[in-house]
Amino acid sequence: MDSIAKEGCKLVLNEVFEGDINGFIERGEKFFAVMPNPDSERELSEHSPLFGSDDDPATT
């Protein structure tokens, strides 16, 4: 929210802002473009307690 509402808008109350909708959309697209893909898997270290266990997402 801070990234999207950091410029070109005014706080109304709590989490409500007013401003140029195109600016909100542009900043939102830029923000989410740098977020990691939620479908990608993270490699576990061999030192992780999850490595090789049934909880290891890489083995399920």
PDB file of N, CA and C in Angstrom:
ATOM      1  N   MET A   1       0.825  -1.180   0.000  1.00  0.00           N
ATOM      2  CA  MET A   1       0.000   0.000   0.000  1.00  0.00           C
ATOM      3  C   MET A   1       0.876   1.252   0.000  1.00  0.00           C
ATOM      4  N   ASP A   2       1.952   1.228   0.777  1.00  0.00           N
ATOM      5  CA  ASP A   2       2.829   2.399   0.818  1.00  0.00           C
ATOM      6  C   ASP A   2       3.468   2.668  -0.540  1.00  0.00           C
ATOM      7  N   SER A   3       3.839   1.607  -1.255  1.00  0.00           N
ATOM      8  CA  SER A   3       4.453   1.781  -2.567  1.00  0.00           C
ATOM      9  C   SER A   3       3.475   2.368  -3.573  1.00  0.00           C
ATOM     10  N   ILE A   4       2.239   1.958  -3.503  1.00  0.00           N
ATOM     11  CA  ILE A   4       1.241   2.408  -4.470  1.00  0.00           C
ATOM     12  C   ILE A   4       0.722   3.806  -4.123  1.00  0.00           C
ATOM     13  N   ALA A   5       0.661   4.118  -2.845  1.00  0.00           N
ATOM     14  CA  ALA A   5       0.087   5.398  -2.421  1.00  0.00           C
ATOM     15  C   ALA A   5       1.147   6.422  -2.013  1.00  0.00           C
ATOM     16  N   LYS A   6       2.403   6.214  -2.425  1.00  0.00           N
ATOM     17  CA  LYS A   6       3.474   7.090  -1.956  1.00  0.00           C
ATOM     18  C   LYS A   6       3.517   8.453  -2.638  1.00  0.00           C
ATOM     19  N   GLU A   7       2.930   8.586  -3.815  1.00  0.00           N
ATOM     20  CA  GLU A   7       2.972   9.866  -4.512  1.00  0.00           C
ATOM     21  C   GLU A   7       1.711  10.074  -5.334  1.00  0.00           C
ATOM     22  N   GLY A   8       1.378  11.321  -5.563  1.00  0.00           N
ATOM     23  CA  GLY A   8       0.241  11.643  -6.411  1.00  0.00           C
ATOM     24  C   GLY A   8      -1.116  11.298  -5.839  1.00  0.00           C
ATOM     25  N   CYS A   9      -1.209  11.188  -4.511  1.00  0.00           N
ATOM     26  CA  CYS A   9      -2.500  10.891  -3.907  1.00  0.00           C
ATOM     27  C   CYS A   9      -2.571  11.497  -2.508  1.00  0.00           C
ATOM     28  N   LYS A  10      -3.767  11.525  -1.978  1.00  0.00           N
ATOM     29  CA  LYS A  10      -3.999  12.083  -0.647  1.00  0.00           C
ATOM     30  C   LYS A  10      -4.714  11.054   0.210  1.00  0.00           C
ATOM     31  N   LEU A  11      -4.327  11.008   1.464  1.00  0.00           N
ATOM     32  CA  LEU A  11      -4.967  10.108   2.418  1.00  0.00           C
ATOM     33  C   LEU A  11      -6.338  10.649   2.789  1.00  0.00           C
ATOM     34  N   VAL A  12      -7.351   9.802   2.695  1.00  0.00           N
ATOM     35  CA  VAL A  12      -8.704  10.161   3.124  1.00  0.00           C
ATOM     36  C   VAL A  12      -8.866   9.721   4.578  1.00  0.00           C
ATOM     37  N   LEU A  13      -8.701   8.416   4.823  1.00  0.00           N
ATOM     38  CA  LEU A  13      -8.825   7.874   6.170  1.00  0.00           C
ATOM     39  C   LEU A  13      -8.322   6.439   6.155  1.00  0.00           C
ATOM     40  N   ASN A  14      -7.544   6.073   7.159  1.00  0.00           N
ATOM     41  CA  ASN A  14      -7.019   4.717   7.306  1.00  0.00           C
ATOM     42  C   ASN A  14      -6.356   4.238   6.015  1.00  0.00           C
ATOM     43  N   GLU A  15      -6.964   3.321   5.288  1.00  0.00           N
ATOM     44  CA  GLU A  15      -6.393   2.775   4.055  1.00  0.00           C
ATOM     45  C   GLU A  15      -7.126   3.271   2.817  1.00  0.00           C
ATOM     46  N   VAL A  16      -7.750   4.426   2.911  1.00  0.00           N
ATOM     47  CA  VAL A  16      -8.506   4.997   1.795  1.00  0.00           C
ATOM     48  C   VAL A  16      -7.747   6.215   1.276  1.00  0.00           C
ATOM     49  N   PHE A  17      -7.454   6.203  -0.038  1.00  0.00           N
ATOM     50  CA  PHE A  17      -6.718   7.287  -0.672  1.00  0.00           C
ATOM     51  C   PHE A  17      -7.503   7.803  -1.863  1.00  0.00           C
ATOM     52  N   GLU A  18      -7.236   9.052  -2.229  1.00  0.00           N
ATOM     53  CA  GLU A  18      -7.790   9.587  -3.460  1.00  0.00           C
ATOM     54  C   GLU A  18      -6.634  10.064  -4.320  1.00  0.00           C
ATOM     55  N   GLY A  19      -6.806   9.916  -5.624  1.00  0.00           N
ATOM     56  CA  GLY A  19      -5.762  10.332  -6.555  1.00  0.00           C
ATOM     57  C   GLY A  19      -6.072   9.832  -7.938  1.00  0.00           C
ATOM     58  N   ASP A  20      -5.102   9.994  -8.812  1.00  0.00           N
ATOM     59  CA  ASP A  20      -5.249   9.580 -10.195  1.00  0.00           C
ATOM     60  C   ASP A  20      -5.219   8.057 -10.282  1.00  0.00           C
ATOM     61  N   ILE A  21      -6.289   7.455 -10.759  1.00  0.00           N
ATOM     62  CA  ILE A  21      -6.398   5.997 -10.819  1.00  0.00           C
ATOM     63  C   ILE A  21      -5.309   5.395 -11.693  1.00  0.00           C
ATOM     64  N   ASN A  22      -4.940   6.076 -12.767  1.00  0.00           N
ATOM     65  CA  ASN A  22      -3.894   5.560 -13.643  1.00  0.00           C
ATOM     66  C   ASN A  22      -2.551   5.520 -12.921  1.00  0.00           C
ATOM     67  N   GLY A  23      -2.317   6.482 -12.044  1.00  0.00           N
ATOM     68  CA  GLY A  23      -1.098   6.479 -11.248  1.00  0.00           C
ATOM     69  C   GLY A  23      -1.072   5.303 -10.286  1.00  0.00           C
ATOM     70  N   PHE A  24      -2.209   5.023  -9.655  1.00  0.00           N
ATOM     71  CA  PHE A  24      -2.301   3.865  -8.755  1.00  0.00           C
ATOM     72  C   PHE A  24      -1.997   2.575  -9.521  1.00  0.00           C
ATOM     73  N   ILE A  25      -2.598   2.443 -10.684  1.00  0.00           N
ATOM     74  CA  ILE A  25      -2.420   1.236 -11.486  1.00  0.00           C
ATOM     75  C   ILE A  25      -0.971   1.096 -11.932  1.00  0.00           C
ATOM     76  N   GLU A  26      -0.377   2.167 -12.411  1.00  0.00           N
ATOM     77  CA  GLU A  26       1.019   2.128 -12.873  1.00  0.00           C
ATOM     78  C   GLU A  26       1.965   1.730 -11.739  1.00  0.00           C
ATOM     79  N   ARG A  27       1.806   2.348 -10.572  1.00  0.00           N
ATOM     80  CA  ARG A  27       2.679   2.011  -9.440  1.00  0.00           C
ATOM     81  C   ARG A  27       2.417   0.584  -8.956  1.00  0.00           C
ATOM     82  N   GLY A  28       1.168   0.138  -8.999  1.00  0.00           N
ATOM     83  CA  GLY A  28       0.844  -1.228  -8.611  1.00  0.00           C
ATOM     84  C   GLY A  28       1.471  -2.243  -9.558  1.00  0.00           C
ATOM     85  N   GLU A  29       1.412  -1.966 -10.856  1.00  0.00           N
ATOM     86  CA  GLU A  29       2.012  -2.881 -11.831  1.00  0.00           C
ATOM     87  C   GLU A  29       3.525  -2.955 -11.642  1.00  0.00           C
ATOM     88  N   LYS A  30       4.163  -1.818 -11.382  1.00  0.00           N
ATOM     89  CA  LYS A  30       5.613  -1.806 -11.147  1.00  0.00           C
ATOM     90  C   LYS A  30       5.955  -2.581  -9.875  1.00  0.00           C
ATOM     91  N   PHE A  31       5.163  -2.402  -8.835  1.00  0.00           N
ATOM     92  CA  PHE A  31       5.409  -3.095  -7.569  1.00  0.00           C
ATOM     93  C   PHE A  31       5.313  -4.608  -7.743  1.00  0.00           C
ATOM     94  N   PHE A  32       4.218  -5.067  -8.340  1.00  0.00           N
ATOM     95  CA  PHE A  32       4.006  -6.505  -8.474  1.00  0.00           C
ATOM     96  C   PHE A  32       4.920  -7.144  -9.513  1.00  0.00           C
ATOM     97  N   ALA A  33       5.476  -6.348 -10.430  1.00  0.00           N
ATOM     98  CA  ALA A  33       6.400  -6.885 -11.429  1.00  0.00           C
ATOM     99  C   ALA A  33       7.699  -7.375 -10.798  1.00  0.00           C
ATOM    100  N   VAL A  34       8.072  -6.822  -9.654  1.00  0.00           N
ATOM    101  CA  VAL A  34       9.320  -7.230  -9.003  1.00  0.00           C
ATOM    102  C   VAL A  34       9.106  -8.288  -7.925  1.00  0.00           C
ATOM    103  N   MET A  35       7.877  -8.663  -7.680  1.00  0.00           N
ATOM    104  CA  MET A  35       7.593  -9.693  -6.691  1.00  0.00           C
ATOM    105  C   MET A  35       7.952 -11.059  -7.266  1.00  0.00           C
ATOM    106  N   PRO A  36       8.420 -11.985  -6.423  1.00  0.00           N
ATOM    107  CA  PRO A  36       8.755 -13.322  -6.943  1.00  0.00           C
ATOM    108  C   PRO A  36       7.508 -14.075  -7.393  1.00  0.00           C
ATOM    109  N   ASN A  37       7.713 -14.996  -8.301  1.00  0.00           N
ATOM    110  CA  ASN A  37       6.625 -15.830  -8.794  1.00  0.00           C
ATOM    111  C   ASN A  37       6.175 -16.754  -7.662  1.00  0.00           C
ATOM    112  N   PRO A  38       4.919 -16.702  -7.252  1.00  0.00           N
ATOM    113  CA  PRO A  38       4.465 -17.536  -6.134  1.00  0.00           C
ATOM    114  C   PRO A  38       4.485 -19.032  -6.456  1.00  0.00           C
ATOM    115  N   ASP A  39       4.552 -19.390  -7.730  1.00  0.00           N
ATOM    116  CA  ASP A  39       4.580 -20.791  -8.119  1.00  0.00           C
ATOM    117  C   ASP A  39       5.991 -21.380  -8.132  1.00  0.00           C
ATOM    118  N   SER A  40       7.000 -20.513  -8.006  1.00  0.00           N
ATOM    119  CA  SER A  40       8.371 -21.022  -8.031  1.00  0.00           C
ATOM    120  C   SER A  40       8.721 -21.650  -6.684  1.00  0.00           C
ATOM    121  N   GLU A  41       9.558 -22.678  -6.750  1.00  0.00           N
ATOM    122  CA  GLU A  41       9.960 -23.371  -5.533  1.00  0.00           C
ATOM    123  C   GLU A  41      11.325 -22.872  -5.093  1.00  0.00           C
ATOM    124  N   ARG A  42      11.522 -22.823  -3.796  1.00  0.00           N
ATOM    125  CA  ARG A  42      12.790 -22.399  -3.238  1.00  0.00           C
ATOM    126  C   ARG A  42      13.595 -23.642  -2.877  1.00  0.00           C
ATOM    127  N   GLU A  43      14.865 -23.651  -3.273  1.00  0.00           N
ATOM    128  CA  GLU A  43      15.729 -24.786  -2.981  1.00  0.00           C
ATOM    129  C   GLU A  43      16.078 -24.792  -1.505  1.00  0.00           C
ATOM    130  N   LEU A  44      16.001 -25.969  -0.889  1.00  0.00           N
ATOM    131  CA  LEU A  44      16.345 -26.110   0.523  1.00  0.00           C
ATOM    132  C   LEU A  44      17.831 -26.365   0.691  1.00  0.00           C
ATOM    133  N   SER A  45      18.386 -25.783   1.711  1.00  0.00           N
ATOM    134  CA  SER A  45      19.763 -26.070   2.082  1.00  0.00           C
ATOM    135  C   SER A  45      19.843 -27.484   2.635  1.00  0.00           C
ATOM    136  N   GLU A  46      20.967 -28.127   2.431  1.00  0.00           N
ATOM    137  CA  GLU A  46      21.149 -29.460   3.009  1.00  0.00           C
ATOM    138  C   GLU A  46      21.166 -29.394   4.529  1.00  0.00           C
ATOM    139  N   HIS A  47      21.306 -28.193   5.084  1.00  0.00           N
ATOM    140  CA  HIS A  47      21.327 -28.002   6.536  1.00  0.00           C
ATOM    141  C   HIS A  47      19.939 -27.714   7.108  1.00  0.00           C
ATOM    142  N   SER A  48      18.964 -27.584   6.230  1.00  0.00           N
ATOM    143  CA  SER A  48      17.598 -27.322   6.677  1.00  0.00           C
ATOM    144  C   SER A  48      17.031 -28.560   7.352  1.00  0.00           C
ATOM    145  N   PRO A  49      16.289 -28.380   8.441  1.00  0.00           N
ATOM    146  CA  PRO A  49      15.644 -29.540   9.068  1.00  0.00           C
ATOM    147  C   PRO A  49      14.579 -30.165   8.165  1.00  0.00           C
ATOM    148  N   LEU A  50      14.165 -29.450   7.134  1.00  0.00           N
ATOM    149  CA  LEU A  50      13.169 -29.986   6.200  1.00  0.00           C
ATOM    150  C   LEU A  50      13.802 -30.816   5.083  1.00  0.00           C
ATOM    151  N   PHE A  51      15.122 -30.702   4.895  1.00  0.00           N
ATOM    152  CA  PHE A  51      15.802 -31.388   3.804  1.00  0.00           C
ATOM    153  C   PHE A  51      15.642 -32.898   3.935  1.00  0.00           C
ATOM    154  N   GLY A  52      15.061 -33.524   2.905  1.00  0.00           N
ATOM    155  CA  GLY A  52      14.885 -34.966   2.893  1.00  0.00           C
ATOM    156  C   GLY A  52      13.721 -35.475   3.730  1.00  0.00           C
ATOM    157  N   SER A  53      12.986 -34.570   4.384  1.00  0.00           N
ATOM    158  CA  SER A  53      11.857 -35.006   5.208  1.00  0.00           C
ATOM    159  C   SER A  53      10.588 -35.065   4.369  1.00  0.00           C
ATOM    160  N   ASP A  54       9.548 -35.598   4.961  1.00  0.00           N
ATOM    161  CA  ASP A  54       8.251 -35.628   4.278  1.00  0.00           C
ATOM    162  C   ASP A  54       7.697 -34.226   4.089  1.00  0.00           C
ATOM    163  N   ASP A  55       8.190 -33.244   4.873  1.00  0.00           N
ATOM    164  CA  ASP A  55       7.739 -31.865   4.765  1.00  0.00           C
ATOM    165  C   ASP A  55       8.486 -31.101   3.671  1.00  0.00           C
ATOM    166  N   ASP A  56       9.490 -31.744   3.056  1.00  0.00           N
ATOM    167  CA  ASP A  56      10.295 -31.105   2.029  1.00  0.00           C
ATOM    168  C   ASP A  56       9.433 -30.884   0.789  1.00  0.00           C
ATOM    169  N   PRO A  57       9.111 -29.622   0.461  1.00  0.00           N
ATOM    170  CA  PRO A  57       8.244 -29.367  -0.705  1.00  0.00           C
ATOM    171  C   PRO A  57       8.871 -29.834  -2.007  1.00  0.00           C
ATOM    172  N   ALA A  58      10.197 -29.967  -2.059  1.00  0.00           N
ATOM    173  CA  ALA A  58      10.852 -30.413  -3.284  1.00  0.00           C
ATOM    174  C   ALA A  58      10.630 -31.894  -3.536  1.00  0.00           C
ATOM    175  N   THR A  59      10.264 -32.656  -2.496  1.00  0.00           N
ATOM    176  CA  THR A  59      10.067 -34.092  -2.665  1.00  0.00           C
ATOM    177  C   THR A  59       8.596 -34.470  -2.719  1.00  0.00           C
ATOM    178  N   THR A  60       7.699 -33.493  -2.679  1.00  0.00           N
ATOM    179  CA  THR A  60       6.274 -33.800  -2.709  1.00  0.00           C
ATOM    180  C   THR A  60       5.692 -33.498  -4.056  1.00  0.00           C
TER     181      THR A  60
END
